[in-house]
Amino acid sequence: MLRKLSFTLGAVAVLMGAGLWLSWPSSMTTEVELTDDSEPSEVEIVNMVQGDENAPITVVEYASLTCPHCASFHEEVYKDLKTNYIDSGKIRFEFREVYFDKYGIWASMIARCTGPDRYFGVIDLMMSTQSTWARAGDDLAIISELRKIGRLTGLQDDKLQSCLQDADKLRALVAWYKENATRDGIRSTPTFLIDGEVYKNMNYDDFAAVLDEKLAEK
C-alpha cells in the first residue's frame, strides 16, 4: 500500500545550541511555520534534473526519502530507467522531494548541500541504505547515520551542520514542496508525471511501455 501524503506541515523549527542539530520537539510532527504573514523567502530551490534538457519527454518523480516504496523503486526500476532512457537522451528526469517527516527533510537538506553534480549519487545512497538510517532509532541516532552519509560524500561536519541549521532553506523547501504537490495533485509516493500525465508506482516493464508509447508519438 502506498504511503499517503498529508499537508499538515506547519509548527516551528528549533535551532539547537552549538554543536547540535536542527530538530523539532518530539511531541510534534515535522512542521515549519508558513503563514500568510511570513516574509517571502529569497532562497532559490534548484530543480534536480538528469538527462538531456531537450529530451522529447520529461519524467518527474515525487518521492520521500523515508518512503519504503520509493526506495524499492530506486533499487528495482530507476537504475534500468537511467541506463535505457535517461543516459540515452530519451527522457529528461526530475526528482522532487516530498516531506512526510523531519527525517526526510534532514536527508533532503544534506543531499542538496552536496550540490547538483553529486545530488543524485547521494539520493541513490540514501535510498539504498534507507532501512539503516531511517530506522536507526531516536532523532540522535538517525541524524548520526545521516552525518555518516554526508561525510561519505566529502562534506565536513561544519558544512553539514550549517546546511542542517539553514532555517531559511528549510522553509523554502517546504513551501516549494507544498506548491508542487498541490499543483500536481500528489497524494502518495512515489508518483510520477510522465509528459504531464500523473502515474502511480510501476514496475520497470510497465514504465518502459508507457515511455515507449509516448516516444512513438513524438
N, C-alpha and C. Protein backbone atom coordinates (compact mmCIF):
# COMPACT_ATOMS: atom_id res chain seq x y z
N MET A 1 0.85 -1.20 0.00
CA MET A 1 0.00 0.00 0.00
C MET A 1 0.88 1.25 0.00
N LEU A 2 0.57 2.20 -0.83
CA LEU A 2 1.37 3.42 -0.91
C LEU A 2 1.18 4.27 0.32
N ARG A 3 2.22 4.97 0.67
CA ARG A 3 2.16 5.86 1.82
C ARG A 3 1.42 7.12 1.42
N LYS A 4 0.42 7.51 2.18
CA LYS A 4 -0.39 8.66 1.85
C LYS A 4 0.25 9.96 2.31
N LEU A 5 -0.01 10.99 1.56
CA LEU A 5 0.60 12.30 1.79
C LEU A 5 -0.33 13.19 2.58
N SER A 6 0.19 13.87 3.58
CA SER A 6 -0.61 14.78 4.39
C SER A 6 -0.04 16.18 4.30
N PHE A 7 -0.90 17.17 4.25
CA PHE A 7 -0.47 18.57 4.18
C PHE A 7 -0.58 19.24 5.54
N THR A 8 -0.14 18.56 6.62
CA THR A 8 -0.24 19.12 7.96
C THR A 8 1.06 19.78 8.40
N LEU A 9 1.95 20.09 7.46
CA LEU A 9 3.18 20.77 7.84
C LEU A 9 2.85 22.16 8.33
N GLY A 10 3.29 22.49 9.43
CA GLY A 10 3.04 23.83 9.99
C GLY A 10 3.61 24.16 11.30
N ALA A 11 4.42 23.95 12.22
CA ALA A 11 4.90 24.47 13.51
C ALA A 11 6.28 25.09 13.36
N VAL A 12 7.05 25.16 14.41
CA VAL A 12 8.28 25.95 14.34
C VAL A 12 9.51 25.06 14.45
N ALA A 13 10.49 25.25 13.56
CA ALA A 13 11.74 24.52 13.65
C ALA A 13 12.58 25.12 14.77
N VAL A 14 13.22 24.27 15.56
CA VAL A 14 14.01 24.74 16.69
C VAL A 14 15.49 24.58 16.38
N LEU A 15 16.22 25.67 16.43
CA LEU A 15 17.66 25.59 16.23
C LEU A 15 18.31 25.34 17.58
N MET A 16 18.96 24.18 17.70
CA MET A 16 19.56 23.80 18.98
C MET A 16 20.91 24.50 19.15
N GLY A 17 21.50 24.37 20.30
CA GLY A 17 22.73 25.08 20.65
C GLY A 17 23.93 24.63 19.85
N ALA A 18 25.04 25.25 20.10
CA ALA A 18 26.26 24.98 19.35
C ALA A 18 26.61 23.50 19.42
N GLY A 19 26.97 22.93 18.27
CA GLY A 19 27.37 21.54 18.20
C GLY A 19 26.20 20.59 18.05
N LEU A 20 24.98 21.09 18.14
CA LEU A 20 23.81 20.24 17.99
C LEU A 20 23.15 20.51 16.66
N TRP A 21 22.04 19.81 16.40
CA TRP A 21 21.46 19.81 15.08
C TRP A 21 20.07 20.37 15.06
N LEU A 22 19.64 20.74 13.87
CA LEU A 22 18.28 21.21 13.67
C LEU A 22 17.33 20.10 14.10
N SER A 23 16.34 20.45 14.94
CA SER A 23 15.45 19.43 15.47
C SER A 23 14.08 19.99 15.73
N TRP A 24 13.13 19.13 16.07
CA TRP A 24 11.77 19.51 16.42
C TRP A 24 11.41 18.85 17.74
N PRO A 25 10.51 19.47 18.54
CA PRO A 25 10.06 18.79 19.74
C PRO A 25 9.50 17.42 19.38
N SER A 26 9.82 16.39 20.18
CA SER A 26 9.44 15.03 19.83
C SER A 26 7.94 14.82 19.82
N SER A 27 7.18 15.69 20.46
CA SER A 27 5.73 15.52 20.50
C SER A 27 5.03 16.10 19.29
N MET A 28 5.79 16.72 18.37
CA MET A 28 5.19 17.39 17.22
C MET A 28 5.57 16.69 15.93
N THR A 29 4.75 16.87 14.92
CA THR A 29 5.11 16.41 13.60
C THR A 29 6.12 17.36 13.01
N THR A 30 6.75 16.96 11.91
CA THR A 30 7.72 17.82 11.25
C THR A 30 7.00 18.99 10.62
N GLU A 31 7.23 20.18 11.14
CA GLU A 31 6.46 21.32 10.69
C GLU A 31 7.32 22.57 10.64
N VAL A 32 6.96 23.46 9.78
CA VAL A 32 7.63 24.75 9.68
C VAL A 32 6.57 25.81 9.58
N GLU A 33 6.74 26.91 10.30
CA GLU A 33 5.75 27.97 10.28
C GLU A 33 5.70 28.63 8.91
N LEU A 34 4.58 28.50 8.24
CA LEU A 34 4.38 29.11 6.93
C LEU A 34 3.01 29.76 6.92
N THR A 35 2.94 31.00 7.37
CA THR A 35 1.67 31.70 7.47
C THR A 35 1.59 32.77 6.40
N ASP A 36 0.42 33.35 6.25
CA ASP A 36 0.24 34.41 5.27
C ASP A 36 1.09 35.63 5.59
N ASP A 37 1.50 35.74 6.89
CA ASP A 37 2.30 36.90 7.31
C ASP A 37 3.79 36.68 7.14
N SER A 38 4.17 35.45 6.74
CA SER A 38 5.59 35.15 6.62
C SER A 38 6.22 35.99 5.51
N GLU A 39 7.47 36.39 5.74
CA GLU A 39 8.20 37.12 4.72
C GLU A 39 8.51 36.18 3.55
N PRO A 40 8.34 36.63 2.32
CA PRO A 40 8.67 35.78 1.18
C PRO A 40 10.13 35.36 1.22
N SER A 41 10.37 34.09 0.98
CA SER A 41 11.75 33.59 1.00
C SER A 41 12.47 33.96 -0.28
N GLU A 42 13.72 34.37 -0.15
CA GLU A 42 14.52 34.69 -1.32
C GLU A 42 15.47 33.53 -1.66
N VAL A 43 15.30 32.40 -0.96
CA VAL A 43 16.14 31.25 -1.21
C VAL A 43 15.70 30.56 -2.49
N GLU A 44 16.63 30.35 -3.40
CA GLU A 44 16.31 29.68 -4.66
C GLU A 44 16.42 28.17 -4.48
N ILE A 45 15.38 27.44 -4.88
CA ILE A 45 15.41 25.99 -4.83
C ILE A 45 15.75 25.48 -6.22
N VAL A 46 16.84 24.76 -6.32
CA VAL A 46 17.31 24.24 -7.60
C VAL A 46 16.53 22.99 -7.97
N ASN A 47 16.02 22.92 -9.19
CA ASN A 47 15.38 21.70 -9.69
C ASN A 47 16.48 20.70 -10.04
N MET A 48 16.39 19.51 -9.45
CA MET A 48 17.41 18.49 -9.65
C MET A 48 17.04 17.63 -10.85
N VAL A 49 17.85 17.72 -11.90
CA VAL A 49 17.50 17.13 -13.19
C VAL A 49 18.64 16.28 -13.72
N GLN A 50 18.28 15.16 -14.34
CA GLN A 50 19.23 14.32 -15.06
C GLN A 50 18.78 14.19 -16.51
N GLY A 51 19.74 13.96 -17.40
CA GLY A 51 19.39 13.71 -18.79
C GLY A 51 19.46 14.95 -19.65
N ASP A 52 19.10 14.78 -20.89
CA ASP A 52 19.15 15.84 -21.89
C ASP A 52 18.02 16.83 -21.65
N GLU A 53 18.36 18.10 -21.48
CA GLU A 53 17.33 19.12 -21.28
C GLU A 53 16.36 19.20 -22.46
N ASN A 54 16.81 18.77 -23.63
CA ASN A 54 15.97 18.82 -24.83
C ASN A 54 15.35 17.47 -25.17
N ALA A 55 15.36 16.54 -24.22
CA ALA A 55 14.75 15.24 -24.46
C ALA A 55 13.27 15.39 -24.78
N PRO A 56 12.72 14.50 -25.60
CA PRO A 56 11.32 14.65 -26.01
C PRO A 56 10.30 14.46 -24.90
N ILE A 57 10.68 13.78 -23.83
CA ILE A 57 9.75 13.52 -22.73
C ILE A 57 10.41 13.90 -21.40
N THR A 58 9.64 14.53 -20.53
CA THR A 58 10.09 14.82 -19.17
C THR A 58 9.34 13.91 -18.20
N VAL A 59 10.09 13.27 -17.32
CA VAL A 59 9.53 12.45 -16.25
C VAL A 59 9.89 13.11 -14.93
N VAL A 60 8.89 13.37 -14.11
CA VAL A 60 9.10 13.94 -12.77
C VAL A 60 8.72 12.89 -11.75
N GLU A 61 9.63 12.60 -10.85
CA GLU A 61 9.33 11.68 -9.75
C GLU A 61 9.11 12.47 -8.47
N TYR A 62 7.99 12.24 -7.81
CA TYR A 62 7.74 12.75 -6.46
C TYR A 62 8.02 11.61 -5.49
N ALA A 63 8.97 11.82 -4.58
CA ALA A 63 9.35 10.74 -3.67
C ALA A 63 9.77 11.29 -2.32
N SER A 64 9.55 10.49 -1.31
CA SER A 64 10.05 10.79 0.03
C SER A 64 11.26 9.92 0.30
N LEU A 65 12.27 10.49 0.91
CA LEU A 65 13.48 9.73 1.20
C LEU A 65 13.28 8.73 2.34
N THR A 66 12.13 8.80 3.03
CA THR A 66 11.82 7.82 4.08
C THR A 66 10.73 6.85 3.65
N CYS A 67 10.32 6.89 2.39
CA CYS A 67 9.25 6.03 1.87
C CYS A 67 9.83 4.71 1.37
N PRO A 68 9.45 3.56 1.96
CA PRO A 68 9.98 2.27 1.51
C PRO A 68 9.66 1.95 0.06
N HIS A 69 8.47 2.34 -0.42
CA HIS A 69 8.12 2.08 -1.81
C HIS A 69 9.02 2.88 -2.75
N CYS A 70 9.42 4.07 -2.33
CA CYS A 70 10.33 4.89 -3.13
C CYS A 70 11.71 4.24 -3.19
N ALA A 71 12.16 3.71 -2.06
CA ALA A 71 13.45 3.03 -2.03
C ALA A 71 13.42 1.81 -2.94
N SER A 72 12.31 1.06 -2.93
CA SER A 72 12.19 -0.11 -3.80
C SER A 72 12.21 0.29 -5.26
N PHE A 73 11.52 1.39 -5.58
CA PHE A 73 11.52 1.88 -6.97
C PHE A 73 12.94 2.19 -7.43
N HIS A 74 13.70 2.84 -6.58
CA HIS A 74 15.06 3.22 -6.98
C HIS A 74 15.98 2.02 -7.11
N GLU A 75 15.72 1.00 -6.31
CA GLU A 75 16.53 -0.21 -6.41
C GLU A 75 16.12 -1.09 -7.58
N GLU A 76 14.84 -1.16 -7.89
CA GLU A 76 14.33 -2.14 -8.84
C GLU A 76 14.00 -1.57 -10.22
N VAL A 77 13.73 -0.27 -10.31
CA VAL A 77 13.25 0.31 -11.57
C VAL A 77 14.15 1.44 -12.07
N TYR A 78 14.48 2.36 -11.18
CA TYR A 78 15.20 3.57 -11.59
C TYR A 78 16.53 3.28 -12.29
N LYS A 79 17.27 2.29 -11.80
CA LYS A 79 18.59 2.01 -12.38
C LYS A 79 18.48 1.66 -13.86
N ASP A 80 17.48 0.84 -14.21
CA ASP A 80 17.30 0.49 -15.62
C ASP A 80 16.76 1.67 -16.42
N LEU A 81 15.90 2.49 -15.79
CA LEU A 81 15.42 3.70 -16.47
C LEU A 81 16.58 4.62 -16.80
N LYS A 82 17.50 4.74 -15.86
CA LYS A 82 18.64 5.63 -16.08
C LYS A 82 19.48 5.13 -17.26
N THR A 83 19.75 3.83 -17.26
CA THR A 83 20.59 3.28 -18.33
C THR A 83 19.91 3.37 -19.70
N ASN A 84 18.64 3.01 -19.75
CA ASN A 84 17.96 2.84 -21.04
C ASN A 84 17.25 4.09 -21.55
N TYR A 85 16.92 5.02 -20.64
CA TYR A 85 16.13 6.17 -21.08
C TYR A 85 16.76 7.53 -20.73
N ILE A 86 17.36 7.63 -19.54
CA ILE A 86 17.95 8.92 -19.14
C ILE A 86 19.30 9.13 -19.81
N ASP A 87 20.20 8.17 -19.63
CA ASP A 87 21.55 8.31 -20.19
C ASP A 87 21.54 8.29 -21.71
N SER A 88 20.53 7.67 -22.30
CA SER A 88 20.44 7.60 -23.77
C SER A 88 19.82 8.84 -24.38
N GLY A 89 19.36 9.78 -23.53
CA GLY A 89 18.81 11.03 -24.04
C GLY A 89 17.34 10.97 -24.41
N LYS A 90 16.66 9.87 -24.06
CA LYS A 90 15.25 9.74 -24.42
C LYS A 90 14.34 10.53 -23.49
N ILE A 91 14.73 10.65 -22.21
CA ILE A 91 13.89 11.38 -21.26
C ILE A 91 14.74 12.33 -20.42
N ARG A 92 14.11 13.40 -20.04
CA ARG A 92 14.64 14.32 -19.03
C ARG A 92 14.00 13.92 -17.72
N PHE A 93 14.79 13.67 -16.67
CA PHE A 93 14.28 13.14 -15.40
C PHE A 93 14.50 14.15 -14.28
N GLU A 94 13.43 14.50 -13.60
CA GLU A 94 13.50 15.45 -12.49
C GLU A 94 13.02 14.78 -11.21
N PHE A 95 13.76 14.96 -10.13
CA PHE A 95 13.42 14.38 -8.83
C PHE A 95 12.95 15.48 -7.89
N ARG A 96 11.73 15.33 -7.36
CA ARG A 96 11.18 16.31 -6.42
C ARG A 96 10.88 15.63 -5.09
N GLU A 97 11.48 16.15 -4.03
CA GLU A 97 11.30 15.57 -2.71
C GLU A 97 9.91 15.87 -2.14
N VAL A 98 9.37 14.89 -1.43
CA VAL A 98 8.13 15.04 -0.66
C VAL A 98 8.50 14.83 0.81
N TYR A 99 7.92 15.65 1.69
CA TYR A 99 8.30 15.60 3.10
C TYR A 99 7.18 15.06 3.97
N PHE A 100 7.33 13.81 4.39
CA PHE A 100 6.39 13.20 5.32
C PHE A 100 6.77 13.52 6.77
N ASP A 101 8.05 13.73 7.01
CA ASP A 101 8.56 13.80 8.37
C ASP A 101 9.88 14.58 8.40
N LYS A 102 10.34 14.85 9.59
CA LYS A 102 11.56 15.64 9.73
C LYS A 102 12.79 14.90 9.20
N TYR A 103 12.78 13.56 9.25
CA TYR A 103 13.94 12.81 8.78
C TYR A 103 14.10 12.96 7.26
N GLY A 104 12.98 12.98 6.56
CA GLY A 104 13.04 13.20 5.13
C GLY A 104 13.57 14.58 4.77
N ILE A 105 13.20 15.58 5.58
CA ILE A 105 13.72 16.94 5.35
C ILE A 105 15.21 17.00 5.65
N TRP A 106 15.63 16.39 6.76
CA TRP A 106 17.06 16.37 7.09
C TRP A 106 17.85 15.74 5.94
N ALA A 107 17.37 14.59 5.46
CA ALA A 107 18.07 13.89 4.38
C ALA A 107 18.13 14.74 3.12
N SER A 108 17.02 15.40 2.80
CA SER A 108 16.97 16.26 1.62
C SER A 108 17.96 17.40 1.74
N MET A 109 18.03 18.02 2.91
CA MET A 109 18.94 19.16 3.08
C MET A 109 20.39 18.73 2.93
N ILE A 110 20.72 17.53 3.41
CA ILE A 110 22.08 17.03 3.26
C ILE A 110 22.37 16.73 1.79
N ALA A 111 21.43 16.08 1.11
CA ALA A 111 21.64 15.75 -0.30
C ALA A 111 21.83 17.02 -1.12
N ARG A 112 21.01 18.03 -0.88
CA ARG A 112 21.12 19.27 -1.62
C ARG A 112 22.38 20.04 -1.25
N CYS A 113 22.87 19.83 -0.06
CA CYS A 113 24.09 20.50 0.38
C CYS A 113 25.30 20.07 -0.45
N THR A 114 25.24 18.88 -1.02
CA THR A 114 26.37 18.38 -1.80
C THR A 114 26.44 19.01 -3.18
N GLY A 115 25.34 19.66 -3.62
CA GLY A 115 25.32 20.33 -4.92
C GLY A 115 24.73 19.45 -6.01
N PRO A 116 24.30 20.06 -7.12
CA PRO A 116 23.63 19.34 -8.20
C PRO A 116 24.46 18.20 -8.80
N ASP A 117 25.78 18.35 -8.87
CA ASP A 117 26.60 17.33 -9.51
C ASP A 117 26.65 16.03 -8.71
N ARG A 118 26.54 16.13 -7.39
CA ARG A 118 26.61 14.93 -6.55
C ARG A 118 25.24 14.52 -6.00
N TYR A 119 24.23 15.34 -6.22
CA TYR A 119 22.92 15.12 -5.61
C TYR A 119 22.34 13.73 -5.89
N PHE A 120 22.29 13.34 -7.16
CA PHE A 120 21.64 12.06 -7.49
C PHE A 120 22.42 10.87 -6.93
N GLY A 121 23.72 10.98 -6.85
CA GLY A 121 24.51 9.92 -6.22
C GLY A 121 24.18 9.77 -4.75
N VAL A 122 23.97 10.91 -4.08
CA VAL A 122 23.61 10.89 -2.67
C VAL A 122 22.20 10.32 -2.49
N ILE A 123 21.28 10.71 -3.38
CA ILE A 123 19.92 10.17 -3.32
C ILE A 123 19.96 8.65 -3.47
N ASP A 124 20.75 8.16 -4.42
CA ASP A 124 20.88 6.71 -4.59
C ASP A 124 21.38 6.05 -3.31
N LEU A 125 22.38 6.66 -2.68
CA LEU A 125 22.95 6.11 -1.46
C LEU A 125 21.92 6.12 -0.33
N MET A 126 21.17 7.21 -0.21
CA MET A 126 20.16 7.29 0.85
C MET A 126 19.03 6.29 0.63
N MET A 127 18.64 6.09 -0.62
CA MET A 127 17.59 5.13 -0.90
C MET A 127 18.06 3.70 -0.62
N SER A 128 19.28 3.38 -1.02
CA SER A 128 19.78 2.02 -0.85
C SER A 128 20.06 1.67 0.61
N THR A 129 20.29 2.70 1.44
CA THR A 129 20.57 2.46 2.87
C THR A 129 19.43 2.95 3.76
N GLN A 130 18.27 3.21 3.16
CA GLN A 130 17.14 3.77 3.92
C GLN A 130 16.78 2.94 5.13
N SER A 131 16.78 1.62 4.99
CA SER A 131 16.38 0.76 6.11
C SER A 131 17.34 0.87 7.28
N THR A 132 18.56 1.35 7.03
CA THR A 132 19.54 1.53 8.10
C THR A 132 19.37 2.88 8.78
N TRP A 133 19.47 3.97 8.00
CA TRP A 133 19.48 5.29 8.63
C TRP A 133 18.09 5.73 9.10
N ALA A 134 17.05 5.44 8.33
CA ALA A 134 15.71 5.93 8.69
C ALA A 134 15.10 5.17 9.86
N ARG A 135 15.67 4.02 10.18
CA ARG A 135 15.15 3.22 11.29
C ARG A 135 16.21 2.99 12.35
N ALA A 136 17.13 3.94 12.44
CA ALA A 136 18.24 3.80 13.38
C ALA A 136 17.81 3.95 14.83
N GLY A 137 16.65 4.57 15.08
CA GLY A 137 16.19 4.76 16.45
C GLY A 137 15.66 6.16 16.67
N ASP A 138 16.19 6.83 17.68
CA ASP A 138 15.71 8.17 18.01
C ASP A 138 16.35 9.21 17.08
N ASP A 139 15.98 10.48 17.32
CA ASP A 139 16.48 11.55 16.46
C ASP A 139 18.00 11.58 16.38
N LEU A 140 18.66 11.42 17.53
CA LEU A 140 20.12 11.50 17.57
C LEU A 140 20.75 10.39 16.74
N ALA A 141 20.18 9.18 16.83
CA ALA A 141 20.72 8.04 16.08
C ALA A 141 20.54 8.26 14.57
N ILE A 142 19.38 8.78 14.18
CA ILE A 142 19.12 8.98 12.76
C ILE A 142 20.00 10.09 12.20
N ILE A 143 20.14 11.18 12.92
CA ILE A 143 20.99 12.25 12.41
C ILE A 143 22.45 11.82 12.37
N SER A 144 22.83 10.94 13.28
CA SER A 144 24.20 10.41 13.26
C SER A 144 24.43 9.58 11.99
N GLU A 145 23.45 8.78 11.61
CA GLU A 145 23.58 7.99 10.39
C GLU A 145 23.60 8.89 9.15
N LEU A 146 22.78 9.94 9.15
CA LEU A 146 22.78 10.87 8.03
C LEU A 146 24.11 11.62 7.94
N ARG A 147 24.69 11.92 9.08
CA ARG A 147 26.00 12.57 9.07
C ARG A 147 27.05 11.67 8.42
N LYS A 148 26.94 10.37 8.68
CA LYS A 148 27.88 9.42 8.06
C LYS A 148 27.77 9.46 6.54
N ILE A 149 26.52 9.52 6.05
CA ILE A 149 26.31 9.61 4.60
C ILE A 149 26.90 10.90 4.06
N GLY A 150 26.67 11.99 4.78
CA GLY A 150 27.22 13.27 4.35
C GLY A 150 28.74 13.23 4.27
N ARG A 151 29.36 12.60 5.26
CA ARG A 151 30.83 12.52 5.26
C ARG A 151 31.33 11.68 4.08
N LEU A 152 30.59 10.62 3.75
CA LEU A 152 30.99 9.77 2.63
C LEU A 152 31.03 10.57 1.32
N THR A 153 30.21 11.60 1.23
CA THR A 153 30.18 12.43 0.01
C THR A 153 31.22 13.54 0.04
N GLY A 154 31.96 13.63 1.14
CA GLY A 154 33.02 14.63 1.23
C GLY A 154 32.66 15.86 2.04
N LEU A 155 31.46 15.91 2.62
CA LEU A 155 31.07 17.06 3.43
C LEU A 155 31.74 17.00 4.80
N GLN A 156 32.27 18.12 5.23
CA GLN A 156 32.84 18.22 6.57
C GLN A 156 31.74 18.53 7.58
N ASP A 157 32.02 18.27 8.85
CA ASP A 157 31.00 18.44 9.89
C ASP A 157 30.48 19.87 9.96
N ASP A 158 31.36 20.85 9.79
CA ASP A 158 30.88 22.23 9.89
C ASP A 158 29.94 22.57 8.74
N LYS A 159 30.21 22.04 7.54
CA LYS A 159 29.34 22.25 6.40
C LYS A 159 28.00 21.53 6.60
N LEU A 160 28.04 20.31 7.12
CA LEU A 160 26.82 19.56 7.41
C LEU A 160 25.94 20.31 8.40
N GLN A 161 26.56 20.80 9.46
CA GLN A 161 25.79 21.50 10.48
C GLN A 161 25.20 22.78 9.92
N SER A 162 25.99 23.51 9.11
CA SER A 162 25.49 24.74 8.52
C SER A 162 24.28 24.48 7.63
N CYS A 163 24.34 23.41 6.85
CA CYS A 163 23.23 23.08 5.96
C CYS A 163 21.99 22.71 6.76
N LEU A 164 22.15 21.90 7.79
CA LEU A 164 21.01 21.43 8.57
C LEU A 164 20.39 22.55 9.41
N GLN A 165 21.16 23.56 9.72
CA GLN A 165 20.65 24.66 10.53
C GLN A 165 20.22 25.87 9.69
N ASP A 166 20.10 25.67 8.39
CA ASP A 166 19.68 26.74 7.49
C ASP A 166 18.16 26.83 7.50
N ALA A 167 17.61 27.60 8.43
CA ALA A 167 16.16 27.70 8.59
C ALA A 167 15.48 28.30 7.37
N ASP A 168 16.14 29.26 6.72
CA ASP A 168 15.56 29.87 5.52
C ASP A 168 15.42 28.83 4.40
N LYS A 169 16.44 27.99 4.25
CA LYS A 169 16.40 26.95 3.22
C LYS A 169 15.31 25.94 3.55
N LEU A 170 15.18 25.61 4.82
CA LEU A 170 14.16 24.65 5.24
C LEU A 170 12.77 25.17 4.91
N ARG A 171 12.50 26.41 5.25
CA ARG A 171 11.18 26.99 4.96
C ARG A 171 10.93 27.05 3.46
N ALA A 172 11.96 27.39 2.71
CA ALA A 172 11.81 27.48 1.25
C ALA A 172 11.53 26.10 0.66
N LEU A 173 12.20 25.07 1.16
CA LEU A 173 11.98 23.72 0.66
C LEU A 173 10.56 23.25 0.94
N VAL A 174 10.06 23.51 2.14
CA VAL A 174 8.70 23.08 2.49
C VAL A 174 7.68 23.82 1.62
N ALA A 175 7.89 25.12 1.43
CA ALA A 175 6.98 25.89 0.59
C ALA A 175 7.01 25.38 -0.85
N TRP A 176 8.21 25.08 -1.35
CA TRP A 176 8.39 24.55 -2.70
C TRP A 176 7.68 23.22 -2.85
N TYR A 177 7.87 22.34 -1.88
CA TYR A 177 7.22 21.03 -1.91
C TYR A 177 5.69 21.16 -1.89
N LYS A 178 5.17 22.00 -1.03
CA LYS A 178 3.72 22.15 -0.92
C LYS A 178 3.12 22.72 -2.20
N GLU A 179 3.82 23.70 -2.79
CA GLU A 179 3.33 24.29 -4.03
C GLU A 179 3.30 23.25 -5.16
N ASN A 180 4.39 22.49 -5.29
CA ASN A 180 4.47 21.48 -6.35
C ASN A 180 3.42 20.40 -6.17
N ALA A 181 3.33 19.87 -4.94
CA ALA A 181 2.43 18.75 -4.68
C ALA A 181 0.98 19.15 -4.82
N THR A 182 0.65 20.37 -4.39
CA THR A 182 -0.73 20.85 -4.52
C THR A 182 -1.09 21.05 -5.98
N ARG A 183 -0.20 21.70 -6.73
CA ARG A 183 -0.46 21.96 -8.15
C ARG A 183 -0.63 20.67 -8.95
N ASP A 184 0.18 19.66 -8.65
CA ASP A 184 0.17 18.44 -9.44
C ASP A 184 -0.73 17.35 -8.85
N GLY A 185 -1.41 17.66 -7.74
CA GLY A 185 -2.35 16.71 -7.15
C GLY A 185 -1.68 15.46 -6.61
N ILE A 186 -0.52 15.62 -5.98
CA ILE A 186 0.22 14.47 -5.47
C ILE A 186 -0.34 14.06 -4.11
N ARG A 187 -0.73 12.80 -3.98
CA ARG A 187 -1.35 12.30 -2.75
C ARG A 187 -0.64 11.09 -2.18
N SER A 188 0.33 10.54 -2.88
CA SER A 188 1.08 9.39 -2.38
C SER A 188 2.42 9.34 -3.08
N THR A 189 3.33 8.54 -2.53
CA THR A 189 4.65 8.40 -3.15
C THR A 189 5.01 6.93 -3.30
N PRO A 190 5.76 6.60 -4.35
CA PRO A 190 6.17 7.51 -5.42
C PRO A 190 5.04 7.75 -6.42
N THR A 191 4.99 8.96 -6.94
CA THR A 191 4.07 9.34 -8.01
C THR A 191 4.89 10.01 -9.11
N PHE A 192 4.46 9.83 -10.35
CA PHE A 192 5.24 10.31 -11.48
C PHE A 192 4.39 11.17 -12.41
N LEU A 193 5.00 12.21 -12.95
CA LEU A 193 4.43 12.95 -14.06
C LEU A 193 5.21 12.54 -15.30
N ILE A 194 4.54 11.90 -16.23
CA ILE A 194 5.19 11.48 -17.48
C ILE A 194 4.56 12.27 -18.61
N ASP A 195 5.33 13.19 -19.16
CA ASP A 195 4.82 14.06 -20.21
C ASP A 195 3.56 14.79 -19.73
N GLY A 196 3.56 15.16 -18.45
CA GLY A 196 2.45 15.93 -17.88
C GLY A 196 1.31 15.11 -17.32
N GLU A 197 1.32 13.80 -17.51
CA GLU A 197 0.26 12.94 -17.00
C GLU A 197 0.70 12.25 -15.71
N VAL A 198 -0.24 12.10 -14.75
CA VAL A 198 0.07 11.50 -13.46
C VAL A 198 -0.03 9.99 -13.53
N TYR A 199 1.02 9.32 -13.00
CA TYR A 199 1.04 7.86 -12.93
C TYR A 199 1.47 7.44 -11.53
N LYS A 200 0.91 6.34 -11.05
CA LYS A 200 1.32 5.77 -9.77
C LYS A 200 2.54 4.88 -9.98
N ASN A 201 2.97 4.26 -8.90
CA ASN A 201 4.16 3.40 -8.93
C ASN A 201 3.99 2.26 -9.93
N MET A 202 5.05 1.94 -10.66
CA MET A 202 5.01 0.88 -11.66
C MET A 202 6.30 0.07 -11.63
N ASN A 203 6.22 -1.16 -12.13
CA ASN A 203 7.44 -1.92 -12.33
C ASN A 203 8.12 -1.44 -13.61
N TYR A 204 9.32 -1.96 -13.87
CA TYR A 204 10.09 -1.44 -15.00
C TYR A 204 9.40 -1.68 -16.33
N ASP A 205 8.87 -2.87 -16.53
CA ASP A 205 8.25 -3.20 -17.82
C ASP A 205 7.08 -2.27 -18.12
N ASP A 206 6.24 -2.00 -17.11
CA ASP A 206 5.10 -1.11 -17.32
C ASP A 206 5.56 0.32 -17.58
N PHE A 207 6.59 0.75 -16.83
CA PHE A 207 7.12 2.11 -17.02
C PHE A 207 7.69 2.25 -18.43
N ALA A 208 8.45 1.26 -18.85
CA ALA A 208 9.06 1.31 -20.18
C ALA A 208 7.99 1.31 -21.27
N ALA A 209 6.91 0.56 -21.04
CA ALA A 209 5.84 0.51 -22.04
C ALA A 209 5.19 1.88 -22.21
N VAL A 210 4.97 2.58 -21.09
CA VAL A 210 4.40 3.93 -21.15
C VAL A 210 5.34 4.87 -21.89
N LEU A 211 6.62 4.81 -21.56
CA LEU A 211 7.60 5.68 -22.21
C LEU A 211 7.70 5.39 -23.70
N ASP A 212 7.74 4.11 -24.06
CA ASP A 212 7.87 3.76 -25.47
C ASP A 212 6.66 4.23 -26.28
N GLU A 213 5.48 4.11 -25.69
CA GLU A 213 4.28 4.57 -26.38
C GLU A 213 4.32 6.07 -26.61
N LYS A 214 4.74 6.80 -25.58
CA LYS A 214 4.80 8.26 -25.70
C LYS A 214 5.90 8.69 -26.67
N LEU A 215 7.03 7.98 -26.63
CA LEU A 215 8.12 8.31 -27.54
C LEU A 215 7.72 8.07 -29.00
N ALA A 216 6.91 7.04 -29.21
CA ALA A 216 6.47 6.73 -30.57
C ALA A 216 5.56 7.80 -31.13
N GLU A 217 4.92 8.57 -30.24
CA GLU A 217 4.01 9.64 -30.67
C GLU A 217 4.75 10.93 -30.97
N LYS A 218 6.02 11.03 -30.60
CA LYS A 218 6.77 12.28 -30.77
C LYS A 218 7.25 12.42 -32.22
